[in-house]
């Protein structure tokens, strides 16, 4: 097992001599018991660590001996989460961060400098859009956004020397799909690093590294915790990328994940697959129900055959996802009336949660982008995003029915 911080599980029996199922990794990987032999993972809340001698401290900072240094750099509880998520994802290494956006920013910022060029999928979360189109240009980094999956459009965008390609698929909030394998192949021809925001699919439904991507990033706040408790992010990739690019950046800029949040996430990973599979099942039922309603103009859900990239989504993903884009056949006032009549589904801007949540992107999550960019993304005042949770599907259908009526 690869260990980026000189981290070694202690008090363990011999490793199994077979390849473990991902659900078993979600329970067992990264487990580091203390001398007390506790069953649940230990929580190390300390900020620092001691050394037996000045010489040991010297050797530790010189990375000539295995020793935790400071919880901004690495921490035993955080390391357990990183090891476990890396095993589930099939990545060599993982670095955890304090939020999804800190992970997104760090994954790109550690690679670029003045004069570099970034190419990204046009449909993305608003804060990702701000990072690429507003913040990076302040450093002298140029960008180009590409719509859809036309290989010629991506080839044209990549004709300029490109350092990073950033893809969000499915996209937030209208579930647009990008062909990861196709874009990765084109990007690698010009030497670009491909980063995939896999938040909407989760580690359960999509494996970007297996499709050709170099890096995967998450808001672990979503499906990984998935219970509305903590903020967190994660960056996963090769040993060289993590050790040579990400670690020097995060160590000195400080987007560290707290040990308590890491402990919550370690326990969350144990049930992530079970939760996501139930949410996917519920979302399929809800999407099919909504598609048949006359009040709804269109439903954007990768698990529906009406989705324009249904075949690609089913090729890349093992399920349709947990989030539905909905466009009403009405105006914003009618949409708000519908939202206010809901009794089970909560109004909230979060997603990937055990509770079903609905939001109006144009006035909440994507408000920062303004009407012109929203229109480019198809985010009209009649669009809603529904994150389907773990409630029984019959209650969700009843709630939607009475609100639509």
Foldseek 3Di string as FASTA:
>chain_A
DAALQLDDAPPDDDDDPDDDDLLVLLLDWLAHDDPVPDNAHDFDQDFADDDPDPVRVVCSVVVNHRDDGGQLQPDSLLRSLFRSVCSLLVFNTKAKFQAQLVQLLLLPVLFDAAPAEEEEALFAFQSSVCCQPPVVVVRNYYYYHFYDEDLVRLLVRVVPQHAEYEYEALHPPQRDGYQLLSNLVSQVVSPYAYEYACAQQPSQWFRSVVSRHFKYKYFCCALLLQANDGTMMMMGGHPCCCNVGRSVVSSVVRRGHRSVVSSSSSVSSSCSNVFFVLLLVLQVVVQVLLCPDPQWPDKRWLQDPPHPCVVSSVVGTVGRGRKMKTFTPDALVLVVQLQVQFDQEDDDPTANHQGKYKYQCCVPRNVVVDDVSCVVNVRHSRMMMIGGHNDPSVSVSVRSVVSVD
